[in-house]
Amino acid sequence: DVDMPGVDGLTAAAELRDRLPACR
């Protein structure tokens, strides 16, 4: 979800891209 408390979905997606590239 985009709008979540604390870290939003877009920030989480960017972090996942960097830390776990196999997860889309």
PDBML (XML) file of the C-alpha atoms, coordinates in Angstrom:
<?xml version="1.0" encoding="UTF-8" ?>
<PDBx:datablock datablockName="MODEL"
   xmlns:PDBx="http://pdbml.pdb.org/schema/pdbx-v50.xsd"
   xmlns:xsi="http://www.w3.org/2001/XMLSchema-instance"
   xsi:schemaLocation="http://pdbml.pdb.org/schema/pdbx-v50.xsd pdbx-v50.xsd">
   <PDBx:atom_siteCategory>
      <PDBx:atom_site id="1">
         <PDBx:B_iso_or_equiv>0.00</PDBx:B_iso_or_equiv>
         <PDBx:Cartn_x>0.000</PDBx:Cartn_x>
         <PDBx:Cartn_y>0.000</PDBx:Cartn_y>
         <PDBx:Cartn_z>0.000</PDBx:Cartn_z>
         <PDBx:auth_asym_id>A</PDBx:auth_asym_id>
         <PDBx:auth_atom_id>CA</PDBx:auth_atom_id>
         <PDBx:auth_comp_id>ASP</PDBx:auth_comp_id>
         <PDBx:auth_seq_id>1</PDBx:auth_seq_id>
         <PDBx:group_PDB>ATOM</PDBx:group_PDB>
         <PDBx:label_alt_id xsi:nil="true" />
         <PDBx:label_asym_id>A</PDBx:label_asym_id>
         <PDBx:label_atom_id>CA</PDBx:label_atom_id>
         <PDBx:label_comp_id>ASP</PDBx:label_comp_id>
         <PDBx:label_entity_id>1</PDBx:label_entity_id>
         <PDBx:label_seq_id>1</PDBx:label_seq_id>
         <PDBx:occupancy>1.00</PDBx:occupancy>
         <PDBx:pdbx_PDB_model_num>1</PDBx:pdbx_PDB_model_num>
         <PDBx:type_symbol>C</PDBx:type_symbol>
      </PDBx:atom_site>
      <PDBx:atom_site id="2">
         <PDBx:B_iso_or_equiv>0.00</PDBx:B_iso_or_equiv>
         <PDBx:Cartn_x>1.294</PDBx:Cartn_x>
         <PDBx:Cartn_y>3.514</PDBx:Cartn_y>
         <PDBx:Cartn_z>-0.666</PDBx:Cartn_z>
         <PDBx:auth_asym_id>A</PDBx:auth_asym_id>
         <PDBx:auth_atom_id>CA</PDBx:auth_atom_id>
         <PDBx:auth_comp_id>VAL</PDBx:auth_comp_id>
         <PDBx:auth_seq_id>2</PDBx:auth_seq_id>
         <PDBx:group_PDB>ATOM</PDBx:group_PDB>
         <PDBx:label_alt_id xsi:nil="true" />
         <PDBx:label_asym_id>A</PDBx:label_asym_id>
         <PDBx:label_atom_id>CA</PDBx:label_atom_id>
         <PDBx:label_comp_id>VAL</PDBx:label_comp_id>
         <PDBx:label_entity_id>1</PDBx:label_entity_id>
         <PDBx:label_seq_id>2</PDBx:label_seq_id>
         <PDBx:occupancy>1.00</PDBx:occupancy>
         <PDBx:pdbx_PDB_model_num>1</PDBx:pdbx_PDB_model_num>
         <PDBx:type_symbol>C</PDBx:type_symbol>
      </PDBx:atom_site>
      <PDBx:atom_site id="3">
         <PDBx:B_iso_or_equiv>0.00</PDBx:B_iso_or_equiv>
         <PDBx:Cartn_x>-0.080</PDBx:Cartn_x>
         <PDBx:Cartn_y>5.224</PDBx:Cartn_y>
         <PDBx:Cartn_z>2.431</PDBx:Cartn_z>
         <PDBx:auth_asym_id>A</PDBx:auth_asym_id>
         <PDBx:auth_atom_id>CA</PDBx:auth_atom_id>
         <PDBx:auth_comp_id>ASP</PDBx:auth_comp_id>
         <PDBx:auth_seq_id>3</PDBx:auth_seq_id>
         <PDBx:group_PDB>ATOM</PDBx:group_PDB>
         <PDBx:label_alt_id xsi:nil="true" />
         <PDBx:label_asym_id>A</PDBx:label_asym_id>
         <PDBx:label_atom_id>CA</PDBx:label_atom_id>
         <PDBx:label_comp_id>ASP</PDBx:label_comp_id>
         <PDBx:label_entity_id>1</PDBx:label_entity_id>
         <PDBx:label_seq_id>3</PDBx:label_seq_id>
         <PDBx:occupancy>1.00</PDBx:occupancy>
         <PDBx:pdbx_PDB_model_num>1</PDBx:pdbx_PDB_model_num>
         <PDBx:type_symbol>C</PDBx:type_symbol>
      </PDBx:atom_site>
      <PDBx:atom_site id="4">
         <PDBx:B_iso_or_equiv>0.00</PDBx:B_iso_or_equiv>
         <PDBx:Cartn_x>1.072</PDBx:Cartn_x>
         <PDBx:Cartn_y>3.441</PDBx:Cartn_y>
         <PDBx:Cartn_z>5.572</PDBx:Cartn_z>
         <PDBx:auth_asym_id>A</PDBx:auth_asym_id>
         <PDBx:auth_atom_id>CA</PDBx:auth_atom_id>
         <PDBx:auth_comp_id>MET</PDBx:auth_comp_id>
         <PDBx:auth_seq_id>4</PDBx:auth_seq_id>
         <PDBx:group_PDB>ATOM</PDBx:group_PDB>
         <PDBx:label_alt_id xsi:nil="true" />
         <PDBx:label_asym_id>A</PDBx:label_asym_id>
         <PDBx:label_atom_id>CA</PDBx:label_atom_id>
         <PDBx:label_comp_id>MET</PDBx:label_comp_id>
         <PDBx:label_entity_id>1</PDBx:label_entity_id>
         <PDBx:label_seq_id>4</PDBx:label_seq_id>
         <PDBx:occupancy>1.00</PDBx:occupancy>
         <PDBx:pdbx_PDB_model_num>1</PDBx:pdbx_PDB_model_num>
         <PDBx:type_symbol>C</PDBx:type_symbol>
      </PDBx:atom_site>
      <PDBx:atom_site id="5">
         <PDBx:B_iso_or_equiv>0.00</PDBx:B_iso_or_equiv>
         <PDBx:Cartn_x>2.228</PDBx:Cartn_x>
         <PDBx:Cartn_y>4.834</PDBx:Cartn_y>
         <PDBx:Cartn_z>8.901</PDBx:Cartn_z>
         <PDBx:auth_asym_id>A</PDBx:auth_asym_id>
         <PDBx:auth_atom_id>CA</PDBx:auth_atom_id>
         <PDBx:auth_comp_id>PRO</PDBx:auth_comp_id>
         <PDBx:auth_seq_id>5</PDBx:auth_seq_id>
         <PDBx:group_PDB>ATOM</PDBx:group_PDB>
         <PDBx:label_alt_id xsi:nil="true" />
         <PDBx:label_asym_id>A</PDBx:label_asym_id>
         <PDBx:label_atom_id>CA</PDBx:label_atom_id>
         <PDBx:label_comp_id>PRO</PDBx:label_comp_id>
         <PDBx:label_entity_id>1</PDBx:label_entity_id>
         <PDBx:label_seq_id>5</PDBx:label_seq_id>
         <PDBx:occupancy>1.00</PDBx:occupancy>
         <PDBx:pdbx_PDB_model_num>1</PDBx:pdbx_PDB_model_num>
         <PDBx:type_symbol>C</PDBx:type_symbol>
      </PDBx:atom_site>
      <PDBx:atom_site id="6">
         <PDBx:B_iso_or_equiv>0.00</PDBx:B_iso_or_equiv>
         <PDBx:Cartn_x>5.952</PDBx:Cartn_x>
         <PDBx:Cartn_y>5.384</PDBx:Cartn_y>
         <PDBx:Cartn_z>9.313</PDBx:Cartn_z>
         <PDBx:auth_asym_id>A</PDBx:auth_asym_id>
         <PDBx:auth_atom_id>CA</PDBx:auth_atom_id>
         <PDBx:auth_comp_id>GLY</PDBx:auth_comp_id>
         <PDBx:auth_seq_id>6</PDBx:auth_seq_id>
         <PDBx:group_PDB>ATOM</PDBx:group_PDB>
         <PDBx:label_alt_id xsi:nil="true" />
         <PDBx:label_asym_id>A</PDBx:label_asym_id>
         <PDBx:label_atom_id>CA</PDBx:label_atom_id>
         <PDBx:label_comp_id>GLY</PDBx:label_comp_id>
         <PDBx:label_entity_id>1</PDBx:label_entity_id>
         <PDBx:label_seq_id>6</PDBx:label_seq_id>
         <PDBx:occupancy>1.00</PDBx:occupancy>
         <PDBx:pdbx_PDB_model_num>1</PDBx:pdbx_PDB_model_num>
         <PDBx:type_symbol>C</PDBx:type_symbol>
      </PDBx:atom_site>
      <PDBx:atom_site id="7">
         <PDBx:B_iso_or_equiv>0.00</PDBx:B_iso_or_equiv>
         <PDBx:Cartn_x>7.702</PDBx:Cartn_x>
         <PDBx:Cartn_y>4.124</PDBx:Cartn_y>
         <PDBx:Cartn_z>6.191</PDBx:Cartn_z>
         <PDBx:auth_asym_id>A</PDBx:auth_asym_id>
         <PDBx:auth_atom_id>CA</PDBx:auth_atom_id>
         <PDBx:auth_comp_id>VAL</PDBx:auth_comp_id>
         <PDBx:auth_seq_id>7</PDBx:auth_seq_id>
         <PDBx:group_PDB>ATOM</PDBx:group_PDB>
         <PDBx:label_alt_id xsi:nil="true" />
         <PDBx:label_asym_id>A</PDBx:label_asym_id>
         <PDBx:label_atom_id>CA</PDBx:label_atom_id>
         <PDBx:label_comp_id>VAL</PDBx:label_comp_id>
         <PDBx:label_entity_id>1</PDBx:label_entity_id>
         <PDBx:label_seq_id>7</PDBx:label_seq_id>
         <PDBx:occupancy>1.00</PDBx:occupancy>
         <PDBx:pdbx_PDB_model_num>1</PDBx:pdbx_PDB_model_num>
         <PDBx:type_symbol>C</PDBx:type_symbol>
      </PDBx:atom_site>
      <PDBx:atom_site id="8">
         <PDBx:B_iso_or_equiv>0.00</PDBx:B_iso_or_equiv>
         <PDBx:Cartn_x>5.325</PDBx:Cartn_x>
         <PDBx:Cartn_y>4.398</PDBx:Cartn_y>
         <PDBx:Cartn_z>3.230</PDBx:Cartn_z>
         <PDBx:auth_asym_id>A</PDBx:auth_asym_id>
         <PDBx:auth_atom_id>CA</PDBx:auth_atom_id>
         <PDBx:auth_comp_id>ASP</PDBx:auth_comp_id>
         <PDBx:auth_seq_id>8</PDBx:auth_seq_id>
         <PDBx:group_PDB>ATOM</PDBx:group_PDB>
         <PDBx:label_alt_id xsi:nil="true" />
         <PDBx:label_asym_id>A</PDBx:label_asym_id>
         <PDBx:label_atom_id>CA</PDBx:label_atom_id>
         <PDBx:label_comp_id>ASP</PDBx:label_comp_id>
         <PDBx:label_entity_id>1</PDBx:label_entity_id>
         <PDBx:label_seq_id>8</PDBx:label_seq_id>
         <PDBx:occupancy>1.00</PDBx:occupancy>
         <PDBx:pdbx_PDB_model_num>1</PDBx:pdbx_PDB_model_num>
         <PDBx:type_symbol>C</PDBx:type_symbol>
      </PDBx:atom_site>
      <PDBx:atom_site id="9">
         <PDBx:B_iso_or_equiv>0.00</PDBx:B_iso_or_equiv>
         <PDBx:Cartn_x>5.017</PDBx:Cartn_x>
         <PDBx:Cartn_y>1.816</PDBx:Cartn_y>
         <PDBx:Cartn_z>0.478</PDBx:Cartn_z>
         <PDBx:auth_asym_id>A</PDBx:auth_asym_id>
         <PDBx:auth_atom_id>CA</PDBx:auth_atom_id>
         <PDBx:auth_comp_id>GLY</PDBx:auth_comp_id>
         <PDBx:auth_seq_id>9</PDBx:auth_seq_id>
         <PDBx:group_PDB>ATOM</PDBx:group_PDB>
         <PDBx:label_alt_id xsi:nil="true" />
         <PDBx:label_asym_id>A</PDBx:label_asym_id>
         <PDBx:label_atom_id>CA</PDBx:label_atom_id>
         <PDBx:label_comp_id>GLY</PDBx:label_comp_id>
         <PDBx:label_entity_id>1</PDBx:label_entity_id>
         <PDBx:label_seq_id>9</PDBx:label_seq_id>
         <PDBx:occupancy>1.00</PDBx:occupancy>
         <PDBx:pdbx_PDB_model_num>1</PDBx:pdbx_PDB_model_num>
         <PDBx:type_symbol>C</PDBx:type_symbol>
      </PDBx:atom_site>
      <PDBx:atom_site id="10">
         <PDBx:B_iso_or_equiv>0.00</PDBx:B_iso_or_equiv>
         <PDBx:Cartn_x>7.131</PDBx:Cartn_x>
         <PDBx:Cartn_y>3.722</PDBx:Cartn_y>
         <PDBx:Cartn_z>-2.044</PDBx:Cartn_z>
         <PDBx:auth_asym_id>A</PDBx:auth_asym_id>
         <PDBx:auth_atom_id>CA</PDBx:auth_atom_id>
         <PDBx:auth_comp_id>LEU</PDBx:auth_comp_id>
         <PDBx:auth_seq_id>10</PDBx:auth_seq_id>
         <PDBx:group_PDB>ATOM</PDBx:group_PDB>
         <PDBx:label_alt_id xsi:nil="true" />
         <PDBx:label_asym_id>A</PDBx:label_asym_id>
         <PDBx:label_atom_id>CA</PDBx:label_atom_id>
         <PDBx:label_comp_id>LEU</PDBx:label_comp_id>
         <PDBx:label_entity_id>1</PDBx:label_entity_id>
         <PDBx:label_seq_id>10</PDBx:label_seq_id>
         <PDBx:occupancy>1.00</PDBx:occupancy>
         <PDBx:pdbx_PDB_model_num>1</PDBx:pdbx_PDB_model_num>
         <PDBx:type_symbol>C</PDBx:type_symbol>
      </PDBx:atom_site>
      <PDBx:atom_site id="11">
         <PDBx:B_iso_or_equiv>0.00</PDBx:B_iso_or_equiv>
         <PDBx:Cartn_x>10.003</PDBx:Cartn_x>
         <PDBx:Cartn_y>4.133</PDBx:Cartn_y>
         <PDBx:Cartn_z>0.400</PDBx:Cartn_z>
         <PDBx:auth_asym_id>A</PDBx:auth_asym_id>
         <PDBx:auth_atom_id>CA</PDBx:auth_atom_id>
         <PDBx:auth_comp_id>THR</PDBx:auth_comp_id>
         <PDBx:auth_seq_id>11</PDBx:auth_seq_id>
         <PDBx:group_PDB>ATOM</PDBx:group_PDB>
         <PDBx:label_alt_id xsi:nil="true" />
         <PDBx:label_asym_id>A</PDBx:label_asym_id>
         <PDBx:label_atom_id>CA</PDBx:label_atom_id>
         <PDBx:label_comp_id>THR</PDBx:label_comp_id>
         <PDBx:label_entity_id>1</PDBx:label_entity_id>
         <PDBx:label_seq_id>11</PDBx:label_seq_id>
         <PDBx:occupancy>1.00</PDBx:occupancy>
         <PDBx:pdbx_PDB_model_num>1</PDBx:pdbx_PDB_model_num>
         <PDBx:type_symbol>C</PDBx:type_symbol>
      </PDBx:atom_site>
      <PDBx:atom_site id="12">
         <PDBx:B_iso_or_equiv>0.00</PDBx:B_iso_or_equiv>
         <PDBx:Cartn_x>9.721</PDBx:Cartn_x>
         <PDBx:Cartn_y>0.450</PDBx:Cartn_y>
         <PDBx:Cartn_z>1.318</PDBx:Cartn_z>
         <PDBx:auth_asym_id>A</PDBx:auth_asym_id>
         <PDBx:auth_atom_id>CA</PDBx:auth_atom_id>
         <PDBx:auth_comp_id>ALA</PDBx:auth_comp_id>
         <PDBx:auth_seq_id>12</PDBx:auth_seq_id>
         <PDBx:group_PDB>ATOM</PDBx:group_PDB>
         <PDBx:label_alt_id xsi:nil="true" />
         <PDBx:label_asym_id>A</PDBx:label_asym_id>
         <PDBx:label_atom_id>CA</PDBx:label_atom_id>
         <PDBx:label_comp_id>ALA</PDBx:label_comp_id>
         <PDBx:label_entity_id>1</PDBx:label_entity_id>
         <PDBx:label_seq_id>12</PDBx:label_seq_id>
         <PDBx:occupancy>1.00</PDBx:occupancy>
         <PDBx:pdbx_PDB_model_num>1</PDBx:pdbx_PDB_model_num>
         <PDBx:type_symbol>C</PDBx:type_symbol>
      </PDBx:atom_site>
      <PDBx:atom_site id="13">
         <PDBx:B_iso_or_equiv>0.00</PDBx:B_iso_or_equiv>
         <PDBx:Cartn_x>9.787</PDBx:Cartn_x>
         <PDBx:Cartn_y>-0.468</PDBx:Cartn_y>
         <PDBx:Cartn_z>-2.396</PDBx:Cartn_z>
         <PDBx:auth_asym_id>A</PDBx:auth_asym_id>
         <PDBx:auth_atom_id>CA</PDBx:auth_atom_id>
         <PDBx:auth_comp_id>ALA</PDBx:auth_comp_id>
         <PDBx:auth_seq_id>13</PDBx:auth_seq_id>
         <PDBx:group_PDB>ATOM</PDBx:group_PDB>
         <PDBx:label_alt_id xsi:nil="true" />
         <PDBx:label_asym_id>A</PDBx:label_asym_id>
         <PDBx:label_atom_id>CA</PDBx:label_atom_id>
         <PDBx:label_comp_id>ALA</PDBx:label_comp_id>
         <PDBx:label_entity_id>1</PDBx:label_entity_id>
         <PDBx:label_seq_id>13</PDBx:label_seq_id>
         <PDBx:occupancy>1.00</PDBx:occupancy>
         <PDBx:pdbx_PDB_model_num>1</PDBx:pdbx_PDB_model_num>
         <PDBx:type_symbol>C</PDBx:type_symbol>
      </PDBx:atom_site>
      <PDBx:atom_site id="14">
         <PDBx:B_iso_or_equiv>0.00</PDBx:B_iso_or_equiv>
         <PDBx:Cartn_x>12.988</PDBx:Cartn_x>
         <PDBx:Cartn_y>1.512</PDBx:Cartn_y>
         <PDBx:Cartn_z>-2.912</PDBx:Cartn_z>
         <PDBx:auth_asym_id>A</PDBx:auth_asym_id>
         <PDBx:auth_atom_id>CA</PDBx:auth_atom_id>
         <PDBx:auth_comp_id>ALA</PDBx:auth_comp_id>
         <PDBx:auth_seq_id>14</PDBx:auth_seq_id>
         <PDBx:group_PDB>ATOM</PDBx:group_PDB>
         <PDBx:label_alt_id xsi:nil="true" />
         <PDBx:label_asym_id>A</PDBx:label_asym_id>
         <PDBx:label_atom_id>CA</PDBx:label_atom_id>
         <PDBx:label_comp_id>ALA</PDBx:label_comp_id>
         <PDBx:label_entity_id>1</PDBx:label_entity_id>
         <PDBx:label_seq_id>14</PDBx:label_seq_id>
         <PDBx:occupancy>1.00</PDBx:occupancy>
         <PDBx:pdbx_PDB_model_num>1</PDBx:pdbx_PDB_model_num>
         <PDBx:type_symbol>C</PDBx:type_symbol>
      </PDBx:atom_site>
      <PDBx:atom_site id="15">
         <PDBx:B_iso_or_equiv>0.00</PDBx:B_iso_or_equiv>
         <PDBx:Cartn_x>14.585</PDBx:Cartn_x>
         <PDBx:Cartn_y>-0.144</PDBx:Cartn_y>
         <PDBx:Cartn_z>0.108</PDBx:Cartn_z>
         <PDBx:auth_asym_id>A</PDBx:auth_asym_id>
         <PDBx:auth_atom_id>CA</PDBx:auth_atom_id>
         <PDBx:auth_comp_id>GLU</PDBx:auth_comp_id>
         <PDBx:auth_seq_id>15</PDBx:auth_seq_id>
         <PDBx:group_PDB>ATOM</PDBx:group_PDB>
         <PDBx:label_alt_id xsi:nil="true" />
         <PDBx:label_asym_id>A</PDBx:label_asym_id>
         <PDBx:label_atom_id>CA</PDBx:label_atom_id>
         <PDBx:label_comp_id>GLU</PDBx:label_comp_id>
         <PDBx:label_entity_id>1</PDBx:label_entity_id>
         <PDBx:label_seq_id>15</PDBx:label_seq_id>
         <PDBx:occupancy>1.00</PDBx:occupancy>
         <PDBx:pdbx_PDB_model_num>1</PDBx:pdbx_PDB_model_num>
         <PDBx:type_symbol>C</PDBx:type_symbol>
      </PDBx:atom_site>
      <PDBx:atom_site id="16">
         <PDBx:B_iso_or_equiv>0.00</PDBx:B_iso_or_equiv>
         <PDBx:Cartn_x>13.525</PDBx:Cartn_x>
         <PDBx:Cartn_y>-3.600</PDBx:Cartn_y>
         <PDBx:Cartn_z>-1.102</PDBx:Cartn_z>
         <PDBx:auth_asym_id>A</PDBx:auth_asym_id>
         <PDBx:auth_atom_id>CA</PDBx:auth_atom_id>
         <PDBx:auth_comp_id>LEU</PDBx:auth_comp_id>
         <PDBx:auth_seq_id>16</PDBx:auth_seq_id>
         <PDBx:group_PDB>ATOM</PDBx:group_PDB>
         <PDBx:label_alt_id xsi:nil="true" />
         <PDBx:label_asym_id>A</PDBx:label_asym_id>
         <PDBx:label_atom_id>CA</PDBx:label_atom_id>
         <PDBx:label_comp_id>LEU</PDBx:label_comp_id>
         <PDBx:label_entity_id>1</PDBx:label_entity_id>
         <PDBx:label_seq_id>16</PDBx:label_seq_id>
         <PDBx:occupancy>1.00</PDBx:occupancy>
         <PDBx:pdbx_PDB_model_num>1</PDBx:pdbx_PDB_model_num>
         <PDBx:type_symbol>C</PDBx:type_symbol>
      </PDBx:atom_site>
      <PDBx:atom_site id="17">
         <PDBx:B_iso_or_equiv>0.00</PDBx:B_iso_or_equiv>
         <PDBx:Cartn_x>15.015</PDBx:Cartn_x>
         <PDBx:Cartn_y>-2.840</PDBx:Cartn_y>
         <PDBx:Cartn_z>-4.519</PDBx:Cartn_z>
         <PDBx:auth_asym_id>A</PDBx:auth_asym_id>
         <PDBx:auth_atom_id>CA</PDBx:auth_atom_id>
         <PDBx:auth_comp_id>ARG</PDBx:auth_comp_id>
         <PDBx:auth_seq_id>17</PDBx:auth_seq_id>
         <PDBx:group_PDB>ATOM</PDBx:group_PDB>
         <PDBx:label_alt_id xsi:nil="true" />
         <PDBx:label_asym_id>A</PDBx:label_asym_id>
         <PDBx:label_atom_id>CA</PDBx:label_atom_id>
         <PDBx:label_comp_id>ARG</PDBx:label_comp_id>
         <PDBx:label_entity_id>1</PDBx:label_entity_id>
         <PDBx:label_seq_id>17</PDBx:label_seq_id>
         <PDBx:occupancy>1.00</PDBx:occupancy>
         <PDBx:pdbx_PDB_model_num>1</PDBx:pdbx_PDB_model_num>
         <PDBx:type_symbol>C</PDBx:type_symbol>
      </PDBx:atom_site>
      <PDBx:atom_site id="18">
         <PDBx:B_iso_or_equiv>0.00</PDBx:B_iso_or_equiv>
         <PDBx:Cartn_x>18.345</PDBx:Cartn_x>
         <PDBx:Cartn_y>-2.085</PDBx:Cartn_y>
         <PDBx:Cartn_z>-2.853</PDBx:Cartn_z>
         <PDBx:auth_asym_id>A</PDBx:auth_asym_id>
         <PDBx:auth_atom_id>CA</PDBx:auth_atom_id>
         <PDBx:auth_comp_id>ASP</PDBx:auth_comp_id>
         <PDBx:auth_seq_id>18</PDBx:auth_seq_id>
         <PDBx:group_PDB>ATOM</PDBx:group_PDB>
         <PDBx:label_alt_id xsi:nil="true" />
         <PDBx:label_asym_id>A</PDBx:label_asym_id>
         <PDBx:label_atom_id>CA</PDBx:label_atom_id>
         <PDBx:label_comp_id>ASP</PDBx:label_comp_id>
         <PDBx:label_entity_id>1</PDBx:label_entity_id>
         <PDBx:label_seq_id>18</PDBx:label_seq_id>
         <PDBx:occupancy>1.00</PDBx:occupancy>
         <PDBx:pdbx_PDB_model_num>1</PDBx:pdbx_PDB_model_num>
         <PDBx:type_symbol>C</PDBx:type_symbol>
      </PDBx:atom_site>
      <PDBx:atom_site id="19">
         <PDBx:B_iso_or_equiv>0.00</PDBx:B_iso_or_equiv>
         <PDBx:Cartn_x>18.368</PDBx:Cartn_x>
         <PDBx:Cartn_y>-4.791</PDBx:Cartn_y>
         <PDBx:Cartn_z>-0.174</PDBx:Cartn_z>
         <PDBx:auth_asym_id>A</PDBx:auth_asym_id>
         <PDBx:auth_atom_id>CA</PDBx:auth_atom_id>
         <PDBx:auth_comp_id>ARG</PDBx:auth_comp_id>
         <PDBx:auth_seq_id>19</PDBx:auth_seq_id>
         <PDBx:group_PDB>ATOM</PDBx:group_PDB>
         <PDBx:label_alt_id xsi:nil="true" />
         <PDBx:label_asym_id>A</PDBx:label_asym_id>
         <PDBx:label_atom_id>CA</PDBx:label_atom_id>
         <PDBx:label_comp_id>ARG</PDBx:label_comp_id>
         <PDBx:label_entity_id>1</PDBx:label_entity_id>
         <PDBx:label_seq_id>19</PDBx:label_seq_id>
         <PDBx:occupancy>1.00</PDBx:occupancy>
         <PDBx:pdbx_PDB_model_num>1</PDBx:pdbx_PDB_model_num>
         <PDBx:type_symbol>C</PDBx:type_symbol>
      </PDBx:atom_site>
      <PDBx:atom_site id="20">
         <PDBx:B_iso_or_equiv>0.00</PDBx:B_iso_or_equiv>
         <PDBx:Cartn_x>16.457</PDBx:Cartn_x>
         <PDBx:Cartn_y>-7.630</PDBx:Cartn_y>
         <PDBx:Cartn_z>-1.873</PDBx:Cartn_z>
         <PDBx:auth_asym_id>A</PDBx:auth_asym_id>
         <PDBx:auth_atom_id>CA</PDBx:auth_atom_id>
         <PDBx:auth_comp_id>LEU</PDBx:auth_comp_id>
         <PDBx:auth_seq_id>20</PDBx:auth_seq_id>
         <PDBx:group_PDB>ATOM</PDBx:group_PDB>
         <PDBx:label_alt_id xsi:nil="true" />
         <PDBx:label_asym_id>A</PDBx:label_asym_id>
         <PDBx:label_atom_id>CA</PDBx:label_atom_id>
         <PDBx:label_comp_id>LEU</PDBx:label_comp_id>
         <PDBx:label_entity_id>1</PDBx:label_entity_id>
         <PDBx:label_seq_id>20</PDBx:label_seq_id>
         <PDBx:occupancy>1.00</PDBx:occupancy>
         <PDBx:pdbx_PDB_model_num>1</PDBx:pdbx_PDB_model_num>
         <PDBx:type_symbol>C</PDBx:type_symbol>
      </PDBx:atom_site>
      <PDBx:atom_site id="21">
         <PDBx:B_iso_or_equiv>0.00</PDBx:B_iso_or_equiv>
         <PDBx:Cartn_x>16.564</PDBx:Cartn_x>
         <PDBx:Cartn_y>-7.120</PDBx:Cartn_y>
         <PDBx:Cartn_z>-5.658</PDBx:Cartn_z>
         <PDBx:auth_asym_id>A</PDBx:auth_asym_id>
         <PDBx:auth_atom_id>CA</PDBx:auth_atom_id>
         <PDBx:auth_comp_id>PRO</PDBx:auth_comp_id>
         <PDBx:auth_seq_id>21</PDBx:auth_seq_id>
         <PDBx:group_PDB>ATOM</PDBx:group_PDB>
         <PDBx:label_alt_id xsi:nil="true" />
         <PDBx:label_asym_id>A</PDBx:label_asym_id>
         <PDBx:label_atom_id>CA</PDBx:label_atom_id>
         <PDBx:label_comp_id>PRO</PDBx:label_comp_id>
         <PDBx:label_entity_id>1</PDBx:label_entity_id>
         <PDBx:label_seq_id>21</PDBx:label_seq_id>
         <PDBx:occupancy>1.00</PDBx:occupancy>
         <PDBx:pdbx_PDB_model_num>1</PDBx:pdbx_PDB_model_num>
         <PDBx:type_symbol>C</PDBx:type_symbol>
      </PDBx:atom_site>
      <PDBx:atom_site id="22">
         <PDBx:B_iso_or_equiv>0.00</PDBx:B_iso_or_equiv>
         <PDBx:Cartn_x>14.915</PDBx:Cartn_x>
         <PDBx:Cartn_y>-10.493</PDBx:Cartn_y>
         <PDBx:Cartn_z>-6.370</PDBx:Cartn_z>
         <PDBx:auth_asym_id>A</PDBx:auth_asym_id>
         <PDBx:auth_atom_id>CA</PDBx:auth_atom_id>
         <PDBx:auth_comp_id>ALA</PDBx:auth_comp_id>
         <PDBx:auth_seq_id>22</PDBx:auth_seq_id>
         <PDBx:group_PDB>ATOM</PDBx:group_PDB>
         <PDBx:label_alt_id xsi:nil="true" />
         <PDBx:label_asym_id>A</PDBx:label_asym_id>
         <PDBx:label_atom_id>CA</PDBx:label_atom_id>
         <PDBx:label_comp_id>ALA</PDBx:label_comp_id>
         <PDBx:label_entity_id>1</PDBx:label_entity_id>
         <PDBx:label_seq_id>22</PDBx:label_seq_id>
         <PDBx:occupancy>1.00</PDBx:occupancy>
         <PDBx:pdbx_PDB_model_num>1</PDBx:pdbx_PDB_model_num>
         <PDBx:type_symbol>C</PDBx:type_symbol>
      </PDBx:atom_site>
      <PDBx:atom_site id="23">
         <PDBx:B_iso_or_equiv>0.00</PDBx:B_iso_or_equiv>
         <PDBx:Cartn_x>11.725</PDBx:Cartn_x>
         <PDBx:Cartn_y>-9.247</PDBx:Cartn_y>
         <PDBx:Cartn_z>-4.688</PDBx:Cartn_z>
         <PDBx:auth_asym_id>A</PDBx:auth_asym_id>
         <PDBx:auth_atom_id>CA</PDBx:auth_atom_id>
         <PDBx:auth_comp_id>CYS</PDBx:auth_comp_id>
         <PDBx:auth_seq_id>23</PDBx:auth_seq_id>
         <PDBx:group_PDB>ATOM</PDBx:group_PDB>
         <PDBx:label_alt_id xsi:nil="true" />
         <PDBx:label_asym_id>A</PDBx:label_asym_id>
         <PDBx:label_atom_id>CA</PDBx:label_atom_id>
         <PDBx:label_comp_id>CYS</PDBx:label_comp_id>
         <PDBx:label_entity_id>1</PDBx:label_entity_id>
         <PDBx:label_seq_id>23</PDBx:label_seq_id>
         <PDBx:occupancy>1.00</PDBx:occupancy>
         <PDBx:pdbx_PDB_model_num>1</PDBx:pdbx_PDB_model_num>
         <PDBx:type_symbol>C</PDBx:type_symbol>
      </PDBx:atom_site>
      <PDBx:atom_site id="24">
         <PDBx:B_iso_or_equiv>0.00</PDBx:B_iso_or_equiv>
         <PDBx:Cartn_x>9.648</PDBx:Cartn_x>
         <PDBx:Cartn_y>-7.194</PDBx:Cartn_y>
         <PDBx:Cartn_z>-7.116</PDBx:Cartn_z>
         <PDBx:auth_asym_id>A</PDBx:auth_asym_id>
         <PDBx:auth_atom_id>CA</PDBx:auth_atom_id>
         <PDBx:auth_comp_id>ARG</PDBx:auth_comp_id>
         <PDBx:auth_seq_id>24</PDBx:auth_seq_id>
         <PDBx:group_PDB>ATOM</PDBx:group_PDB>
         <PDBx:label_alt_id xsi:nil="true" />
         <PDBx:label_asym_id>A</PDBx:label_asym_id>
         <PDBx:label_atom_id>CA</PDBx:label_atom_id>
         <PDBx:label_comp_id>ARG</PDBx:label_comp_id>
         <PDBx:label_entity_id>1</PDBx:label_entity_id>
         <PDBx:label_seq_id>24</PDBx:label_seq_id>
         <PDBx:occupancy>1.00</PDBx:occupancy>
         <PDBx:pdbx_PDB_model_num>1</PDBx:pdbx_PDB_model_num>
         <PDBx:type_symbol>C</PDBx:type_symbol>
      </PDBx:atom_site>
   </PDBx:atom_siteCategory>
</PDBx:datablock>
